[in-house]
């Protein structure tokens, strides 16, 4: 804006070179701590020598107006009070080739200091007791000074935590970041070369002396940023004591115990198969002795063993036996659902599930199936058990299914009563 531009300041403000939002007007509250008369006198220095040498070439009024408008509303942070005068002096030098001599002394301003290292975007180079360093800009530091903090809150993730402090805020306190460490003195902060932010962190592989505290519902990971211990053994120190606690709190995961309840204590079906008219029942128990039946109020948890008794009433055991041909589970009432888990296959336990057992199959009019309770992954919380049963004449002498290794060498050759297949189902829900 101080170059040979033909546009006005207001036009430049809303041009493509300005950040979006520069054209927005804001109404700030009046700061009663600012002495506007003193600020006006300071800005009016541009009407006096040595600035008057530029008046015939460069109009000082826009600079004076901007100076008073700003300094009467905002505190003089980051040396902004002298920046308006410096801008006018540079404009005069560029437009009129006039160099103002000793204007800084006349205005009570100091030459801009030179810092050994480049300052970050949120810093400016300033002078302190004859030496220069990077200071925090007022806007950046205001949010930390309001809470008397030196950086941002702790960032927690699973098994790790980090705290980031502003290097310029540490310098304001006279603290050298290299003298700080965590509970483990070997864990020091790392300063980013561009932002000058200092990060302290720990994780599960590098705990850095982290203390882990557990209570009934929470797990707390705690560490401390502290100043290196005094090796001289002196009982006093003239340095600020640093003791910054930071921690991460996690709620202990609940152990979800899924429990199932049977919808019907017992399933009873009347089966008519040719000359055979019998009753088919299925009952669930929580013990191998079949003495503790599962009722509607009985909670059955995952991995708990369940015994199912399948029995046919009204049959002559000397003439016919009952064979459980297959049993399977679905997550929907239909036994033909695509999502299916086999428990009994061709009269034998599913070899892929070593919790499945079958007792008495084909040896009489009842049998017992046992397995460990399960649920379908990522599906509904309901389980429907289906069993297909058939009647086998005892005269065939081939009613007991061949399972185990022998089953792989020969197929079962039992002759079933024609049309005797029956299906029985039992439902569970959590």
Foldseek 3Di string as FASTA:
>chain_A
DLAPDPDDPLCVQPDPVHDPPSNDDDDDDFDPVADLVVQLVLLCCCVDPPNVVQVVFDPSVVLSVVSSVPRRGDPCWPNVSCVSVVSSQVSSCNGVVDHGPPVCVVSVHDDQDDDPADAAPQWGWDDDPHHIDTAGTPVVCVVCVVVVHQFDAWDDDVFKIKTKGAQNSCVVQVHDQQQKAKCQNVFGWDADRHRRITMGMAGPVRLRPWDWDDDDWKIKTKMWIWGHDDPVPDPDDPHDTGTGMHMDMDTDDDDDWDWKFWPAQKDWDWDDFPVDTKIKMKHKAQDPVRPHTGHRPDTATFQRKMKIKIFIPPDDFLWKEKAFQWKWKDQDQDPPDPDIGTQHHRRHGDPVAPQWDKACGQVGGMIMIMGGDDADPPDAQKMKMKIKMFMFTVVQVQRHFDDDPVCVVDPRDTDTDPRGIDMDMIMMGD
